Amino acid sequence: MASRALRRWLPQQHGAWAMLLVPLLAGMLLAEPSPWHAVLLAAWLLTYMALFHAQQWLRLRRHSRNPRAAGRHTRPALVFTAALLPLAAALVIHAPWLLLAAACALPLLAVNCCYARANRERALVNGLVAVVPACGVLPVAVLLGGGTWVQAGLPALACLLYFIGTVWYVKTMIRERDSRAYGWASALFHGAALAVAWLCLSPWLTAFFVVCFARALVMPRLGRMRPAAVGAVEVVLSVLLLTAVVVAYG
């Protein structure tokens, strides 16, 4: 019973957790350790969970035939928001510039809400838009630890390139596995990401993007894979990305 309730409250979007945590952890590890990083981590996760349930409420309110389906997300959304507010207030009092960061993220989050309301959460554009604020938390964590924009720029670019590539790649493995257009687009993006890594990033990240490019070319040709297997590969690559970023720029 408890595990069922936990599944209802915690989002089961496993790929989203990696995208949320890797840039944030990278920013924390690249900066000087600060107690405010713990507050930021808690606030960041609460923001995601509150938004997830709010978006599910928006989606189900319009598209579910079950009149009670949307209501199941009301309480989690309110509880997570209530837990978030004091943490957000403390962060803003400590670092008022966080209001500007939040203002930059709001239009992107609004796009995600619009896609949820239209029941098109799996749309390519929706996934690509979600990557930007997720990677944007890296410079926030760096600045909160006393770092600089210069220190945060290249690591944030590395995360952005990887997670945008992952959106394309996962499409070619699951929903668009029979689409040649998606396959070519994924391969071209990963090739471009590798070129950017070679020109702008470190040798460690160049080697990492060689692996990403190879998996974008080879894995779709291996036939159907279960989503769990696709996700497991991305978890391993996410850990490798975090390691490469910290080794290269830490």
Protein backbone atom coordinates (compact mmCIF):
# COMPACT_ATOMS: atom_id res chain seq x y z
CA MET A 1 0.00 0.00 0.00
CA ALA A 2 2.81 2.39 0.95
CA SER A 3 4.76 1.60 -2.23
CA ARG A 4 1.65 2.25 -4.33
CA ALA A 5 1.16 5.63 -2.67
CA LEU A 6 4.85 6.42 -3.21
CA ARG A 7 4.52 5.64 -6.93
CA ARG A 8 1.56 8.02 -7.14
CA TRP A 9 3.49 10.83 -5.50
CA LEU A 10 6.91 10.38 -7.09
CA PRO A 11 7.15 10.87 -10.87
CA GLN A 12 8.11 7.69 -12.71
CA GLN A 13 9.93 9.53 -15.51
CA HIS A 14 13.31 7.92 -14.94
CA GLY A 15 15.10 9.82 -17.69
CA ALA A 16 13.99 13.10 -16.20
CA TRP A 17 15.74 12.34 -12.92
CA ALA A 18 19.12 12.03 -14.64
CA MET A 19 18.53 15.27 -16.54
CA LEU A 20 17.62 17.02 -13.28
CA LEU A 21 20.47 15.70 -11.17
CA VAL A 22 23.54 15.54 -13.41
CA PRO A 23 23.82 19.30 -14.22
CA LEU A 24 23.00 20.26 -10.65
CA LEU A 25 25.53 17.83 -9.16
CA ALA A 26 28.13 18.97 -11.70
CA GLY A 27 27.60 22.59 -10.68
CA MET A 28 27.86 21.69 -7.00
CA LEU A 29 31.09 19.72 -7.52
CA LEU A 30 32.69 22.43 -9.65
CA ALA A 31 32.04 25.17 -7.08
CA GLU A 32 33.10 25.60 -3.48
CA PRO A 33 30.88 23.48 -1.20
CA SER A 34 28.11 25.51 0.39
CA PRO A 35 25.22 24.65 2.71
CA TRP A 36 23.03 26.50 0.20
CA HIS A 37 23.66 23.73 -2.29
CA ALA A 38 21.62 21.38 -0.09
CA VAL A 39 18.79 23.92 -0.05
CA LEU A 40 19.03 24.32 -3.83
CA LEU A 41 18.94 20.55 -4.35
CA ALA A 42 15.83 20.16 -2.22
CA ALA A 43 14.11 23.15 -3.86
CA TRP A 44 15.02 21.90 -7.35
CA LEU A 45 13.54 18.43 -6.75
CA LEU A 46 10.43 19.86 -5.13
CA THR A 47 9.98 22.21 -8.09
CA TYR A 48 10.12 19.28 -10.50
CA MET A 49 7.64 17.19 -8.49
CA ALA A 50 5.21 20.08 -8.04
CA LEU A 51 5.36 20.92 -11.76
CA PHE A 52 4.94 17.27 -12.74
CA HIS A 53 1.70 16.94 -10.78
CA ALA A 54 0.44 20.35 -11.94
CA GLN A 55 1.03 19.34 -15.56
CA GLN A 56 -0.68 15.99 -15.04
CA TRP A 57 -3.65 17.85 -13.57
CA LEU A 58 -3.76 20.09 -16.65
CA ARG A 59 -3.55 17.10 -19.00
CA LEU A 60 -6.05 14.81 -17.30
CA ARG A 61 -8.57 17.58 -16.64
CA ARG A 62 -9.02 17.95 -20.40
CA HIS A 63 -8.33 14.48 -21.75
CA SER A 64 -9.27 11.85 -19.17
CA ARG A 65 -12.70 10.24 -19.21
CA ASN A 66 -12.32 9.57 -15.51
CA PRO A 67 -13.53 12.71 -13.69
CA ARG A 68 -11.44 11.79 -10.64
CA ALA A 69 -8.14 11.24 -12.48
CA ALA A 70 -6.99 14.87 -12.42
CA GLY A 71 -7.93 15.25 -8.77
CA ARG A 72 -5.38 12.63 -7.75
CA HIS A 73 -2.64 15.09 -8.63
CA THR A 74 -4.07 18.07 -6.73
CA ARG A 75 -2.86 17.08 -3.28
CA PRO A 76 0.72 16.17 -4.33
CA ALA A 77 1.00 19.42 -6.30
CA LEU A 78 -0.13 21.48 -3.31
CA VAL A 79 2.03 19.60 -0.79
CA PHE A 80 5.18 19.86 -2.89
CA THR A 81 4.49 23.55 -3.58
CA ALA A 82 3.97 24.25 0.12
CA ALA A 83 7.26 22.52 0.94
CA LEU A 84 9.02 24.43 -1.83
CA LEU A 85 7.94 27.96 -0.87
CA PRO A 86 10.03 28.43 2.33
CA LEU A 87 13.11 26.98 0.63
CA ALA A 88 12.64 29.23 -2.40
CA ALA A 89 12.14 32.26 -0.15
CA ALA A 90 15.33 31.48 1.77
CA LEU A 91 17.32 31.09 -1.46
CA VAL A 92 16.03 34.37 -2.88
CA ILE A 93 16.80 36.25 0.33
CA HIS A 94 20.33 34.83 0.27
CA ALA A 95 20.84 35.37 -3.48
CA PRO A 96 18.30 37.79 -5.03
CA TRP A 97 19.72 37.17 -8.53
CA LEU A 98 17.92 33.82 -8.42
CA LEU A 99 14.74 35.74 -9.27
CA LEU A 100 16.28 36.57 -12.65
CA ALA A 101 17.19 32.92 -13.18
CA ALA A 102 13.63 31.89 -12.36
CA ALA A 103 12.25 34.55 -14.73
CA CYS A 104 14.38 33.12 -17.56
CA ALA A 105 13.06 29.62 -16.89
CA LEU A 106 9.37 30.58 -16.65
CA PRO A 107 8.65 30.91 -20.41
CA LEU A 108 10.18 27.47 -21.02
CA LEU A 109 8.17 25.92 -18.20
CA ALA A 110 5.06 27.57 -19.65
CA VAL A 111 5.76 25.82 -22.97
CA ASN A 112 5.97 22.48 -21.15
CA CYS A 113 2.65 23.20 -19.43
CA CYS A 114 1.03 24.01 -22.78
CA TYR A 115 2.20 20.70 -24.23
CA ALA A 116 0.91 18.88 -21.15
CA ARG A 117 -2.48 20.57 -21.47
CA ALA A 118 -2.61 19.48 -25.11
CA ASN A 119 -1.66 15.90 -24.11
CA ARG A 120 1.52 16.13 -26.20
CA GLU A 121 4.16 15.69 -23.51
CA ARG A 122 6.10 13.24 -25.71
CA ALA A 123 6.48 15.80 -28.51
CA LEU A 124 10.04 16.43 -29.66
CA VAL A 125 9.87 20.19 -29.07
CA ASN A 126 8.58 19.66 -25.54
CA GLY A 127 11.54 17.45 -24.71
CA LEU A 128 14.06 19.83 -26.23
CA VAL A 129 12.58 22.80 -24.36
CA ALA A 130 12.73 20.90 -21.05
CA VAL A 131 16.47 20.36 -21.45
CA VAL A 132 17.31 24.08 -21.27
CA PRO A 133 16.22 24.88 -17.68
CA ALA A 134 17.48 21.49 -16.54
CA CYS A 135 20.98 22.36 -17.77
CA GLY A 136 20.59 25.98 -16.68
CA VAL A 137 20.71 24.89 -13.06
CA LEU A 138 24.42 24.11 -13.49
CA PRO A 139 25.55 27.77 -13.61
CA VAL A 140 23.09 28.52 -10.81
CA ALA A 141 24.83 25.94 -8.60
CA VAL A 142 28.27 27.24 -9.61
CA LEU A 143 27.37 30.86 -8.86
CA LEU A 144 25.75 29.87 -5.57
CA GLY A 145 29.09 28.29 -4.60
CA GLY A 146 31.02 31.44 -5.38
CA GLY A 147 32.04 30.49 -8.92
CA THR A 148 31.75 32.50 -12.11
CA TRP A 149 29.90 32.36 -15.43
CA VAL A 150 33.19 31.61 -17.17
CA GLN A 151 33.69 28.60 -14.91
CA ALA A 152 30.18 27.36 -15.61
CA GLY A 153 29.90 27.98 -19.36
CA LEU A 154 31.66 24.99 -20.90
CA PRO A 155 30.31 22.42 -18.43
CA ALA A 156 26.79 23.71 -19.08
CA LEU A 157 27.39 23.45 -22.83
CA ALA A 158 28.52 19.83 -22.42
CA CYS A 159 25.37 18.95 -20.49
CA LEU A 160 23.18 20.76 -23.01
CA LEU A 161 24.73 18.91 -25.95
CA TYR A 162 24.37 15.53 -24.26
CA PHE A 163 20.79 15.88 -23.10
CA ILE A 164 19.56 17.39 -26.38
CA GLY A 165 21.20 14.45 -28.12
CA THR A 166 19.48 12.07 -25.73
CA VAL A 167 16.07 13.46 -26.66
CA TRP A 168 16.79 12.70 -30.33
CA TYR A 169 18.38 9.33 -29.62
CA VAL A 170 15.58 8.01 -27.39
CA LYS A 171 13.07 8.93 -30.09
CA THR A 172 14.99 6.75 -32.57
CA MET A 173 14.94 3.85 -30.10
CA ILE A 174 11.29 3.90 -29.04
CA ARG A 175 8.58 6.06 -30.59
CA GLU A 176 10.32 6.88 -33.88
CA ARG A 177 12.45 3.76 -34.29
CA ASP A 178 11.15 3.20 -37.83
CA SER A 179 11.68 6.80 -38.95
CA ARG A 180 14.67 7.41 -41.22
CA ALA A 181 14.28 11.16 -40.75
CA TYR A 182 14.69 10.88 -36.99
CA GLY A 183 17.61 8.50 -37.44
CA TRP A 184 19.43 10.93 -39.72
CA ALA A 185 18.61 13.91 -37.49
CA SER A 186 19.96 12.09 -34.42
CA ALA A 187 23.14 11.06 -36.22
CA LEU A 188 23.71 14.58 -37.58
CA PHE A 189 23.17 16.19 -34.19
CA HIS A 190 25.54 13.78 -32.46
CA GLY A 191 28.14 14.40 -35.16
CA ALA A 192 27.78 18.15 -34.65
CA ALA A 193 28.01 17.71 -30.87
CA LEU A 194 31.22 15.74 -31.30
CA ALA A 195 32.65 18.51 -33.49
CA VAL A 196 31.74 21.15 -30.89
CA ALA A 197 33.33 19.03 -28.15
CA TRP A 198 36.51 18.65 -30.20
CA LEU A 199 36.71 22.39 -30.97
CA CYS A 200 35.52 23.86 -27.66
CA LEU A 201 35.58 21.31 -24.87
CA SER A 202 38.23 19.12 -23.25
CA PRO A 203 39.73 15.84 -24.56
CA TRP A 204 37.80 14.03 -21.84
CA LEU A 205 34.50 15.31 -23.19
CA THR A 206 35.57 14.75 -26.79
CA ALA A 207 36.09 11.07 -25.90
CA PHE A 208 32.70 11.03 -24.18
CA PHE A 209 30.94 12.42 -27.25
CA VAL A 210 32.70 9.85 -29.45
CA VAL A 211 30.91 7.22 -27.36
CA CYS A 212 27.60 9.11 -27.69
CA PHE A 213 28.04 9.40 -31.46
CA ALA A 214 28.79 5.68 -31.74
CA ARG A 215 25.72 4.70 -29.73
CA ALA A 216 23.52 7.01 -31.87
CA LEU A 217 24.76 5.22 -35.00
CA VAL A 218 24.91 1.63 -33.76
CA MET A 219 22.15 1.12 -31.19
CA PRO A 220 19.15 1.84 -33.48
CA ARG A 221 20.48 -0.80 -35.89
CA LEU A 222 20.41 -3.52 -33.23
CA GLY A 223 16.63 -3.85 -33.38
CA ARG A 224 13.98 -3.31 -30.74
CA MET A 225 15.07 -2.74 -27.16
CA ARG A 226 12.95 -2.48 -24.07
CA PRO A 227 12.62 1.08 -22.75
CA ALA A 228 14.23 -0.04 -19.49
CA ALA A 229 17.33 -1.17 -21.40
CA VAL A 230 17.46 2.11 -23.33
CA GLY A 231 17.18 3.99 -20.05
CA ALA A 232 19.90 1.92 -18.40
CA VAL A 233 22.36 2.89 -21.13
CA GLU A 234 21.50 6.57 -20.61
CA VAL A 235 22.00 6.28 -16.85
CA VAL A 236 25.51 4.93 -17.45
CA LEU A 237 26.25 7.71 -19.93
CA SER A 238 24.90 10.32 -17.50
CA VAL A 239 27.33 9.11 -14.83
CA LEU A 240 30.15 9.19 -17.39
CA LEU A 241 29.18 12.75 -18.37
CA LEU A 242 29.23 13.89 -14.74
CA THR A 243 32.62 12.26 -14.25
CA ALA A 244 34.08 13.76 -17.44
CA VAL A 245 32.83 17.27 -16.59
CA VAL A 246 34.27 17.17 -13.07
CA VAL A 247 37.60 15.72 -14.21
CA ALA A 248 37.90 18.22 -17.05
CA TYR A 249 36.84 21.38 -15.22
CA GLY A 250 36.98 20.59 -11.52
